[in-house]
Amino acid sequence: MKYEVPIWEKSTLSLEEAAAYTGIGIQKLRDISADDRCDFVLWNGTKRMFKRKKLEDYLDRAYSI
């Protein structure tokens, strides 16, 4: 039996999940998370994972992206 955690309860999101969750395009998420100072991205090797709560905080503070 496979248990699947709802997207709004996950602590980290894949690029595709983050795009679906926020409504922001995959390429735009790649662009804004490519900066070394980005505090809402966690790298697992070459895989980019988004810290959901920090991403939400970033979007709450952003005027435009």
N, C-alpha and C. Protein backbone atom coordinates (compact mmCIF):
# COMPACT_ATOMS: atom_id res chain seq x y z
N MET A 1 0.84 -1.17 0.00
CA MET A 1 0.00 0.00 0.00
C MET A 1 0.89 1.25 0.00
N LYS A 2 0.64 2.15 -0.91
CA LYS A 2 1.41 3.37 -1.02
C LYS A 2 0.63 4.51 -0.40
N TYR A 3 1.29 5.23 0.53
CA TYR A 3 0.66 6.38 1.18
C TYR A 3 1.18 7.64 0.53
N GLU A 4 0.28 8.49 0.09
CA GLU A 4 0.67 9.74 -0.56
C GLU A 4 0.27 10.92 0.31
N VAL A 5 1.25 11.79 0.58
CA VAL A 5 1.03 12.98 1.41
C VAL A 5 0.45 14.08 0.53
N PRO A 6 -0.62 14.75 0.99
CA PRO A 6 -1.17 15.86 0.20
C PRO A 6 -0.12 16.97 0.04
N ILE A 7 -0.16 17.64 -1.08
CA ILE A 7 0.86 18.64 -1.43
C ILE A 7 0.94 19.76 -0.38
N TRP A 8 -0.18 20.16 0.21
CA TRP A 8 -0.18 21.25 1.19
C TRP A 8 0.37 20.82 2.55
N GLU A 9 0.65 19.52 2.74
CA GLU A 9 1.24 19.04 3.99
C GLU A 9 2.72 18.69 3.84
N LYS A 10 3.24 18.70 2.63
CA LYS A 10 4.64 18.35 2.41
C LYS A 10 5.54 19.50 2.86
N SER A 11 6.70 19.15 3.37
CA SER A 11 7.65 20.20 3.77
C SER A 11 8.48 20.66 2.59
N THR A 12 8.75 19.77 1.65
CA THR A 12 9.46 20.16 0.43
C THR A 12 8.67 19.72 -0.79
N LEU A 13 8.81 20.50 -1.86
CA LEU A 13 8.08 20.23 -3.10
C LEU A 13 9.06 20.09 -4.24
N SER A 14 8.77 19.20 -5.16
CA SER A 14 9.56 19.11 -6.38
C SER A 14 9.24 20.33 -7.25
N LEU A 15 10.00 20.52 -8.29
CA LEU A 15 9.78 21.64 -9.20
C LEU A 15 8.36 21.60 -9.77
N GLU A 16 7.93 20.44 -10.19
CA GLU A 16 6.58 20.29 -10.77
C GLU A 16 5.50 20.55 -9.73
N GLU A 17 5.71 20.04 -8.49
CA GLU A 17 4.73 20.27 -7.43
C GLU A 17 4.66 21.75 -7.06
N ALA A 18 5.82 22.40 -6.98
CA ALA A 18 5.85 23.83 -6.65
C ALA A 18 5.13 24.65 -7.71
N ALA A 19 5.30 24.28 -8.97
CA ALA A 19 4.61 24.99 -10.06
C ALA A 19 3.10 24.81 -9.94
N ALA A 20 2.66 23.59 -9.66
CA ALA A 20 1.23 23.33 -9.51
C ALA A 20 0.67 24.03 -8.27
N TYR A 21 1.42 24.05 -7.20
CA TYR A 21 0.99 24.63 -5.93
C TYR A 21 0.89 26.15 -6.00
N THR A 22 1.85 26.79 -6.67
CA THR A 22 1.89 28.26 -6.70
C THR A 22 1.25 28.87 -7.93
N GLY A 23 1.15 28.10 -9.01
CA GLY A 23 0.65 28.66 -10.26
C GLY A 23 1.72 29.39 -11.05
N ILE A 24 2.97 29.27 -10.61
CA ILE A 24 4.11 29.90 -11.30
C ILE A 24 4.71 28.86 -12.24
N GLY A 25 5.12 29.29 -13.40
CA GLY A 25 5.68 28.38 -14.39
C GLY A 25 7.00 27.75 -13.95
N ILE A 26 7.29 26.60 -14.49
CA ILE A 26 8.50 25.85 -14.14
C ILE A 26 9.75 26.66 -14.47
N GLN A 27 9.80 27.29 -15.63
CA GLN A 27 10.99 28.06 -16.00
C GLN A 27 11.20 29.25 -15.07
N LYS A 28 10.13 29.92 -14.67
CA LYS A 28 10.25 31.05 -13.75
C LYS A 28 10.74 30.58 -12.39
N LEU A 29 10.25 29.45 -11.91
CA LEU A 29 10.74 28.89 -10.66
C LEU A 29 12.21 28.52 -10.75
N ARG A 30 12.62 27.99 -11.89
CA ARG A 30 14.04 27.69 -12.10
C ARG A 30 14.87 28.97 -12.03
N ASP A 31 14.40 30.02 -12.68
CA ASP A 31 15.13 31.29 -12.72
C ASP A 31 15.29 31.90 -11.33
N ILE A 32 14.21 31.98 -10.56
CA ILE A 32 14.29 32.64 -9.26
C ILE A 32 15.02 31.78 -8.23
N SER A 33 15.08 30.47 -8.43
CA SER A 33 15.76 29.61 -7.47
C SER A 33 17.21 29.31 -7.85
N ALA A 34 17.68 29.83 -8.97
CA ALA A 34 19.05 29.58 -9.41
C ALA A 34 20.07 30.41 -8.64
N ASP A 35 19.62 31.47 -7.99
CA ASP A 35 20.50 32.34 -7.22
C ASP A 35 21.04 31.59 -6.00
N ASP A 36 22.33 31.73 -5.72
CA ASP A 36 22.96 31.08 -4.56
C ASP A 36 22.37 31.55 -3.24
N ARG A 37 21.81 32.76 -3.22
CA ARG A 37 21.24 33.32 -1.98
C ARG A 37 19.79 32.92 -1.76
N CYS A 38 19.24 32.14 -2.65
CA CYS A 38 17.84 31.71 -2.53
C CYS A 38 17.70 30.80 -1.31
N ASP A 39 16.89 31.22 -0.33
CA ASP A 39 16.78 30.45 0.91
C ASP A 39 15.61 29.46 0.93
N PHE A 40 14.84 29.38 -0.15
CA PHE A 40 13.72 28.44 -0.15
C PHE A 40 13.96 27.23 -1.05
N VAL A 41 15.19 27.08 -1.53
CA VAL A 41 15.52 25.92 -2.35
C VAL A 41 16.51 25.04 -1.60
N LEU A 42 16.33 23.73 -1.73
CA LEU A 42 17.20 22.74 -1.12
C LEU A 42 17.65 21.82 -2.25
N TRP A 43 18.96 21.69 -2.41
CA TRP A 43 19.49 20.86 -3.48
C TRP A 43 19.75 19.46 -2.95
N ASN A 44 19.21 18.47 -3.63
CA ASN A 44 19.46 17.06 -3.34
C ASN A 44 20.21 16.51 -4.54
N GLY A 45 21.54 16.65 -4.50
CA GLY A 45 22.33 16.36 -5.69
C GLY A 45 22.04 17.42 -6.73
N THR A 46 21.50 17.01 -7.86
CA THR A 46 21.11 17.97 -8.89
C THR A 46 19.61 18.26 -8.87
N LYS A 47 18.90 17.61 -7.97
CA LYS A 47 17.45 17.81 -7.88
C LYS A 47 17.14 19.01 -6.99
N ARG A 48 16.31 19.89 -7.48
CA ARG A 48 15.90 21.11 -6.80
C ARG A 48 14.60 20.84 -6.05
N MET A 49 14.63 21.04 -4.72
CA MET A 49 13.44 20.88 -3.90
C MET A 49 13.12 22.24 -3.25
N PHE A 50 11.86 22.58 -3.19
CA PHE A 50 11.43 23.86 -2.65
C PHE A 50 10.88 23.67 -1.24
N LYS A 51 11.38 24.47 -0.31
CA LYS A 51 10.87 24.47 1.06
C LYS A 51 9.54 25.23 1.03
N ARG A 52 8.46 24.50 1.19
CA ARG A 52 7.12 25.04 0.95
C ARG A 52 6.82 26.30 1.77
N LYS A 53 7.05 26.27 3.06
CA LYS A 53 6.73 27.42 3.90
C LYS A 53 7.58 28.64 3.55
N LYS A 54 8.87 28.43 3.28
CA LYS A 54 9.73 29.56 2.92
C LYS A 54 9.36 30.11 1.54
N LEU A 55 8.94 29.23 0.63
CA LEU A 55 8.48 29.68 -0.68
C LEU A 55 7.21 30.52 -0.52
N GLU A 56 6.30 30.08 0.33
CA GLU A 56 5.08 30.86 0.60
C GLU A 56 5.44 32.23 1.17
N ASP A 57 6.38 32.26 2.12
CA ASP A 57 6.80 33.53 2.72
C ASP A 57 7.40 34.46 1.67
N TYR A 58 8.24 33.90 0.80
CA TYR A 58 8.85 34.69 -0.28
C TYR A 58 7.77 35.30 -1.17
N LEU A 59 6.79 34.52 -1.53
CA LEU A 59 5.72 35.00 -2.41
C LEU A 59 4.84 36.04 -1.70
N ASP A 60 4.64 35.87 -0.39
CA ASP A 60 3.86 36.86 0.37
C ASP A 60 4.55 38.22 0.39
N ARG A 61 5.89 38.23 0.42
CA ARG A 61 6.65 39.47 0.48
C ARG A 61 6.90 40.08 -0.91
N ALA A 62 6.79 39.29 -1.95
CA ALA A 62 7.13 39.74 -3.30
C ALA A 62 6.06 40.67 -3.87
N TYR A 63 6.53 41.73 -4.51
CA TYR A 63 5.62 42.63 -5.22
C TYR A 63 5.36 42.10 -6.63
N SER A 64 6.43 41.61 -7.26
CA SER A 64 6.31 41.00 -8.58
C SER A 64 7.42 39.97 -8.74
N ILE A 65 7.21 39.05 -9.66
CA ILE A 65 8.24 38.05 -9.94
C ILE A 65 8.50 37.97 -11.42
